[in-house]
Protein backbone atom coordinates (compact mmCIF):
# COMPACT_ATOMS: atom_id res chain seq x y z
CA UNK A 1 87.78 -67.83 124.18
CA UNK A 2 84.13 -68.52 123.09
CA UNK A 3 82.02 -65.85 124.41
CA UNK A 4 79.64 -66.93 127.49
CA UNK A 5 76.09 -66.08 126.74
CA UNK A 6 74.45 -64.41 129.84
CA UNK A 7 70.89 -63.81 131.03
CA UNK A 8 70.14 -61.14 133.35
CA UNK A 9 67.57 -61.72 136.22
CA UNK A 10 65.60 -58.53 136.80
CA UNK A 11 66.08 -54.69 135.69
CA UNK A 12 67.51 -53.68 139.10
CA UNK A 13 69.39 -50.46 138.99
CA UNK A 14 72.78 -51.87 139.97
CA UNK A 15 72.40 -54.22 136.79
CA UNK A 16 71.34 -51.87 134.19
CA UNK A 17 73.34 -48.71 135.36
CA UNK A 18 76.67 -50.52 136.18
CA UNK A 19 77.03 -54.01 135.98
CA UNK A 20 75.61 -54.67 132.25
CA UNK A 21 77.37 -51.71 130.85
CA UNK A 22 80.51 -53.01 132.15
CA UNK A 23 79.87 -56.33 130.70
CA UNK A 24 78.91 -55.00 127.33
CA UNK A 25 82.25 -53.87 127.06
CA UNK A 26 83.97 -57.15 126.67
CA UNK A 27 84.41 -59.44 123.59
CA UNK A 28 84.19 -62.44 126.00
CA UNK A 29 80.71 -61.85 127.02
CA UNK A 30 77.49 -61.93 125.04
CA UNK A 31 74.32 -60.57 126.99
CA UNK A 32 71.60 -62.71 125.36
CA UNK A 33 68.58 -61.90 127.33
CA UNK A 34 67.00 -59.82 130.29
CA UNK A 35 64.28 -60.65 132.31
CA UNK A 36 61.61 -58.90 134.45
CA UNK A 37 58.23 -59.79 136.07
CA UNK A 38 56.84 -56.92 133.83
CA UNK A 39 57.57 -57.88 130.11
CA UNK A 40 57.44 -54.47 128.89
CA UNK A 41 60.18 -53.30 131.49
CA UNK A 42 62.26 -55.96 130.22
CA UNK A 43 61.67 -55.07 126.58
CA UNK A 44 62.34 -51.60 127.25
CA UNK A 45 65.75 -52.13 129.07
CA UNK A 46 66.58 -54.69 126.21
CA UNK A 47 66.08 -51.94 123.76
CA UNK A 48 68.01 -49.53 125.48
CA UNK A 49 71.04 -51.87 126.20
CA UNK A 50 70.83 -53.69 122.91
CA UNK A 51 70.08 -57.05 124.37
CA UNK A 52 68.36 -59.42 122.02
CA UNK A 53 65.82 -61.18 124.07
CA UNK A 54 63.21 -59.94 126.76
CA UNK A 55 61.56 -62.21 129.04
CA UNK A 56 58.31 -61.42 131.13
CA UNK A 57 59.28 -63.68 133.94
CA UNK A 58 62.57 -65.00 135.37
CA UNK A 59 61.55 -68.78 134.85
CA UNK A 60 60.95 -68.22 131.33
CA UNK A 61 64.60 -67.05 130.77
CA UNK A 62 65.80 -69.70 133.01
CA UNK A 63 64.26 -72.34 130.56
CA UNK A 64 66.00 -70.67 127.69
CA UNK A 65 68.90 -73.25 126.59
CA UNK A 66 70.98 -70.74 125.01
CA UNK A 67 71.80 -69.00 128.32
CA UNK A 68 74.92 -70.22 130.04
CA UNK A 69 75.42 -68.09 133.08
CA UNK A 70 73.08 -65.41 134.87
CA UNK A 71 73.43 -62.48 136.94
CA UNK A 72 71.22 -62.23 139.81
CA UNK A 73 70.91 -58.60 141.37
CA UNK A 74 67.41 -59.15 143.04
CA UNK A 75 66.61 -57.68 146.60
CA UNK A 76 68.61 -59.74 149.22
CA UNK A 77 65.76 -61.92 150.19
CA UNK A 78 65.60 -63.21 146.69
CA UNK A 79 69.17 -64.12 146.29
CA UNK A 80 69.14 -67.65 147.40
CA UNK A 81 65.79 -68.70 145.92
CA UNK A 82 66.64 -67.59 142.57
CA UNK A 83 70.32 -68.69 142.53
CA UNK A 84 68.87 -72.00 143.48
CA UNK A 85 66.38 -71.86 140.66
CA UNK A 86 68.97 -70.95 138.16
CA UNK A 87 71.44 -73.68 139.32
CA UNK A 88 68.44 -76.21 139.06
CA UNK A 89 68.12 -75.08 135.51
CA UNK A 90 71.81 -75.53 134.84
CA UNK A 91 72.98 -72.27 134.89
CA UNK A 92 76.31 -70.53 136.33
CA UNK A 93 75.26 -68.03 138.58
CA UNK A 94 77.01 -64.59 139.55
CA UNK A 95 74.83 -63.42 142.47
CA UNK A 96 74.75 -59.86 143.81
CA UNK A 97 76.14 -59.19 147.43
CA UNK A 98 75.32 -60.12 150.13
CA UNK A 99 74.58 -63.77 148.83
CA UNK A 100 72.05 -64.25 151.55
CA UNK A 101 70.39 -62.60 154.61
CA UNK A 102 72.08 -65.03 156.98
CA UNK A 103 74.68 -67.57 156.89
CA UNK A 104 72.07 -70.38 157.61
CA UNK A 105 70.19 -69.26 154.59
CA UNK A 106 73.41 -69.26 152.52
CA UNK A 107 74.18 -72.85 153.49
CA UNK A 108 71.20 -73.99 151.22
CA UNK A 109 73.66 -73.25 148.27
CA UNK A 110 75.76 -76.01 149.25
CA UNK A 111 73.53 -78.47 147.58
CA UNK A 112 74.32 -76.90 144.24
CA UNK A 113 76.28 -79.22 141.98
CA UNK A 114 78.05 -79.09 138.43
CA UNK A 115 77.72 -75.30 138.14
CA UNK A 116 79.74 -72.42 139.56
CA UNK A 117 78.31 -69.92 141.90
CA UNK A 118 79.99 -66.81 143.17
CA UNK A 119 78.94 -63.69 145.15
CA UNK A 120 79.62 -60.54 143.16
CA UNK A 121 82.10 -58.74 144.86
CA UNK A 122 83.73 -56.78 142.12
CA UNK A 123 86.39 -55.26 144.26
CA UNK A 124 88.35 -58.56 144.17
CA UNK A 125 88.68 -58.12 140.49
CA UNK A 126 89.48 -54.33 140.50
CA UNK A 127 92.81 -52.97 139.40
CA UNK A 128 93.34 -50.80 142.53
CA UNK A 129 92.55 -53.65 144.99
CA UNK A 130 94.97 -56.07 143.03
CA UNK A 131 97.50 -53.41 143.24
CA UNK A 132 97.05 -52.93 146.94
CA UNK A 133 97.10 -56.31 147.59
CA UNK A 134 100.28 -57.00 145.65
CA UNK A 135 102.04 -54.16 147.49
CA UNK A 136 100.99 -55.83 150.94
CA UNK A 137 102.15 -59.02 149.97
CA UNK A 138 105.57 -57.29 148.95
CA UNK A 139 105.74 -55.62 152.23
CA UNK A 140 106.04 -52.27 150.67
CA UNK A 141 104.24 -50.65 153.77
CA UNK A 142 105.73 -53.34 156.22
CA UNK A 143 103.39 -55.48 158.28
CA UNK A 144 99.81 -54.35 157.87
CA UNK A 145 98.19 -53.93 161.12
CA UNK A 146 95.09 -52.10 160.59
CA UNK A 147 92.33 -51.31 157.95
CA UNK A 148 90.07 -48.54 158.30
CA UNK A 149 87.04 -48.07 156.16
CA UNK A 150 84.40 -45.47 155.76
CA UNK A 151 81.34 -45.91 153.48
CA UNK A 152 78.14 -43.87 153.51
CA UNK A 153 75.45 -42.63 151.24
CA UNK A 154 72.04 -40.89 152.16
CA UNK A 155 68.82 -42.72 151.17
CA UNK A 156 65.58 -42.29 153.17
CA UNK A 157 63.19 -43.61 150.49
CA UNK A 158 60.68 -45.81 152.14
CA UNK A 159 60.26 -47.75 148.93
CA UNK A 160 64.02 -48.38 148.54
CA UNK A 161 64.60 -51.88 149.31
CA UNK A 162 67.72 -50.90 151.18
CA UNK A 163 65.08 -49.49 153.76
CA UNK A 164 62.93 -52.58 154.24
CA UNK A 165 64.03 -54.49 157.16
CA UNK A 166 61.92 -57.49 156.38
CA UNK A 167 63.76 -58.30 153.22
CA UNK A 168 67.40 -57.70 154.26
CA UNK A 169 67.57 -53.95 154.18
CA UNK A 170 70.03 -51.84 156.15
CA UNK A 171 73.64 -50.57 155.93
CA UNK A 172 75.50 -53.64 157.17
CA UNK A 173 74.18 -56.05 154.76
CA UNK A 174 74.12 -53.40 151.70
CA UNK A 175 77.65 -52.06 152.10
CA UNK A 176 79.05 -53.26 155.57
CA UNK A 177 79.82 -56.57 153.52
CA UNK A 178 82.50 -54.52 151.86
CA UNK A 179 84.76 -53.62 154.57
CA UNK A 180 84.52 -57.42 155.75
CA UNK A 181 85.32 -58.69 152.29
CA UNK A 182 88.32 -56.17 151.72
CA UNK A 183 89.93 -57.00 154.95
CA UNK A 184 89.68 -60.70 154.42
CA UNK A 185 91.28 -60.17 150.93
CA UNK A 186 94.25 -57.83 152.47
CA UNK A 187 94.94 -59.77 155.55
CA UNK A 188 94.50 -62.94 153.68
CA UNK A 189 92.76 -64.29 156.89
CA UNK A 190 89.80 -64.60 158.91
CA UNK A 191 88.72 -62.57 161.89
CA UNK A 192 88.55 -64.44 165.28
CA UNK A 193 85.95 -62.09 167.06
CA UNK A 194 83.91 -59.07 166.20
CA UNK A 195 81.88 -56.26 167.90
CA UNK A 196 79.59 -53.77 166.47
CA UNK A 197 77.73 -50.62 167.38
CA UNK A 198 74.35 -49.78 165.44
CA UNK A 199 71.82 -46.97 165.33
CA UNK A 200 68.57 -48.19 163.64
CA UNK A 201 65.98 -45.83 161.89
CA UNK A 202 62.94 -45.59 164.18
CA UNK A 203 60.59 -45.87 161.20
CA UNK A 204 62.29 -48.40 159.06
CA UNK A 205 64.00 -50.35 161.84
CA UNK A 206 67.05 -50.97 159.51
CA UNK A 207 70.44 -50.23 160.58
CA UNK A 208 71.28 -46.76 159.44
CA UNK A 209 74.64 -46.73 160.95
CA UNK A 210 76.76 -49.56 161.75
CA UNK A 211 80.34 -49.56 163.23
CA UNK A 212 82.45 -52.38 163.82
CA UNK A 213 85.80 -53.81 165.03
CA UNK A 214 87.04 -57.26 163.79
CA UNK A 215 89.92 -58.81 165.43
CA UNK A 216 92.15 -60.91 162.86
CA UNK A 217 94.72 -61.86 165.41
CA UNK A 218 98.39 -61.24 165.18
CA UNK A 219 97.83 -57.80 166.28
CA UNK A 220 95.70 -56.96 163.22
CA UNK A 221 92.26 -55.53 162.92
CA UNK A 222 89.61 -53.78 160.76
CA UNK A 223 87.65 -51.01 161.94
CA UNK A 224 84.79 -49.39 159.89
CA UNK A 225 81.80 -47.33 159.79
CA UNK A 226 78.86 -47.55 157.16
CA UNK A 227 75.83 -45.70 156.77
CA UNK A 228 72.64 -45.31 154.66
CA UNK A 229 71.98 -41.78 156.14
CA UNK A 230 75.02 -39.89 156.06
CA UNK A 231 76.95 -37.58 153.55
CA UNK A 232 78.31 -39.83 150.44
CA UNK A 233 81.75 -40.67 150.96
CA UNK A 234 84.00 -43.92 150.91
CA UNK A 235 87.67 -44.15 151.56
CA UNK A 236 89.94 -46.98 152.66
CA UNK A 237 93.27 -46.87 154.52
CA UNK A 238 95.52 -49.86 154.87
CA UNK A 239 97.95 -49.23 157.64
CA UNK A 240 101.44 -50.79 158.06
CA UNK A 241 104.36 -50.65 160.08
CA UNK A 242 106.42 -48.85 157.31
CA UNK A 243 103.71 -46.83 155.43
CA UNK A 244 100.17 -46.71 154.41
CA UNK A 245 97.91 -47.22 151.27
CA UNK A 246 95.09 -45.10 150.88
CA UNK A 247 92.59 -46.13 148.11
CA UNK A 248 90.57 -43.15 146.63
CA UNK A 249 87.27 -44.54 145.40
CA UNK A 250 87.38 -48.10 146.76
CA UNK A 251 84.05 -49.45 145.92
CA UNK A 252 82.24 -47.25 143.37
CA UNK A 253 85.50 -46.86 141.29
CA UNK A 254 84.58 -44.89 138.11
CA UNK A 255 84.61 -46.99 134.83
CA UNK A 256 85.75 -44.03 132.73
CA UNK A 257 88.61 -42.52 134.80
CA UNK A 258 91.87 -43.67 136.13
CA UNK A 259 91.46 -45.27 139.59
CA UNK A 260 94.00 -43.92 142.02
CA UNK A 261 95.72 -44.96 145.31
CA UNK A 262 98.22 -43.13 147.51
CA UNK A 263 101.40 -44.76 149.04
CA UNK A 264 102.80 -42.91 151.96
CA UNK A 265 106.03 -43.97 153.77
CA UNK A 266 107.13 -42.80 157.28
CA UNK A 267 106.69 -39.14 156.58
CA UNK A 268 103.28 -37.75 157.72
CA UNK A 269 101.08 -37.37 154.46
CA UNK A 270 104.13 -37.55 152.04
CA UNK A 271 103.77 -40.05 149.46
CA UNK A 272 102.98 -40.73 145.85
CA UNK A 273 99.38 -40.93 144.19
CA UNK A 274 99.47 -43.80 141.41
CA UNK A 275 96.92 -43.56 138.53
CA UNK A 276 95.99 -46.88 136.87
CA UNK A 277 94.70 -47.19 133.46
CA UNK A 278 90.91 -46.95 133.17
CA UNK A 279 89.05 -50.03 133.66
CA UNK A 280 85.78 -51.24 134.69
CA UNK A 281 85.54 -53.75 137.61
CA UNK A 282 82.21 -54.93 136.44
CA UNK A 283 83.69 -56.11 133.10
CA UNK A 284 86.78 -57.56 134.95
CA UNK A 285 84.55 -59.49 137.34
CA UNK A 286 82.27 -61.09 134.63
CA UNK A 287 85.33 -61.96 132.43
CA UNK A 288 87.05 -63.70 135.35
CA UNK A 289 83.72 -65.59 136.09
CA UNK A 290 83.46 -66.61 132.32
CA UNK A 291 86.98 -68.03 132.29
CA UNK A 292 86.22 -70.19 135.18
CA UNK A 293 83.15 -71.48 133.24
CA UNK A 294 85.46 -72.07 129.95
CA UNK A 295 87.97 -74.00 132.27
CA UNK A 296 90.64 -70.92 131.54
CA UNK A 297 90.72 -70.42 135.23
CA UNK A 298 90.61 -72.33 138.52
CA UNK A 299 87.33 -71.49 140.50
CA UNK A 300 87.82 -68.70 142.90
CA UNK A 301 85.70 -67.13 145.58
CA UNK A 302 82.67 -69.44 145.50
CA UNK A 303 79.77 -70.73 147.94
CA UNK A 304 82.05 -71.66 150.96
CA UNK A 305 83.62 -68.03 150.85
CA UNK A 306 80.27 -66.40 150.63
CA UNK A 307 78.96 -68.35 153.69
CA UNK A 308 82.08 -67.27 155.57
CA UNK A 309 81.26 -63.77 154.72
CA UNK A 310 77.67 -64.14 156.14
CA UNK A 311 78.89 -65.85 159.27
CA UNK A 312 80.83 -62.82 160.01
CA UNK A 313 77.90 -60.47 159.26
CA UNK A 314 75.91 -62.68 161.47
CA UNK A 315 78.31 -62.25 164.29
CA UNK A 316 78.07 -58.40 164.12
CA UNK A 317 74.29 -58.52 164.33
CA UNK A 318 74.76 -60.95 167.47
CA UNK A 319 77.15 -58.34 169.07
CA UNK A 320 74.47 -55.66 168.61
CA UNK A 321 72.08 -57.56 170.84
CA UNK A 322 74.88 -58.98 173.34
CA UNK A 323 76.99 -55.97 173.49
CA UNK A 324 79.78 -58.22 173.61
CA UNK A 325 82.52 -59.63 171.40
CA UNK A 326 81.09 -62.48 169.28
CA UNK A 327 83.04 -65.42 167.15
CA UNK A 328 81.84 -65.92 163.56
């Protein structure tokens, strides 16, 4: 298909370190411009990444008629405003997760018409997650009853956006959105109620540990712990009545090594590790987005899905205050 011409809003680390390098691998993608509030910063990254144009403001890039789609990796509080601005300029938008700070804020995106907007959950395009979902659908581990997620890193930098409560920092919004997304993806359903336990940094006021339980009905639940101040680690277990699937590096899957998952039957810890061909989940995500734009593929998880994810996150935060189960 004709390559989609992209513009990148900001030089955020996730963009320049992970997403853009993945996108640049694709023949279906042409990154035409990158923008920053500092033109020299934009020019520096354009030079490093081989991007033709650099803009000193987001608005200037959005006015470029050559740009068809934009990737928005700004801090959480700027996701909705800049997504709305890009859509108003006629650009399709792939917005970094979480798409907003609250579900109420996310509902503003419903006013967008005639362009495609999606939340950048690359895991739903990653080969290991697609393989796991297919195994679940085929009942290879029986009926799935429980999903367990542990995801953590250590960051106490006061200047880091993840440690700023006023702009949507904290563990649940940053990485707690992943357990919610992948459990909805695997269960192919929605939780009916959730409850959470939080520990907040006394200085930053952000949730540095968030643990939760989401009841998906029919005897199915998600349990998870995420943290911004624990040893770096991530692992997912999908538990069924006839076995389990363990995804080794579920979220930061390496783009230059085979992704692996483990399938166990009914013997404790006896099973098979499967290695998948090397792939880049960020490349796969952007290619799928481009196929929607080119009408080669039906639109997938869009604004309504993103709002639903935010409703679940909101319910966890309500549970922190009420100490009770809350309905999304």
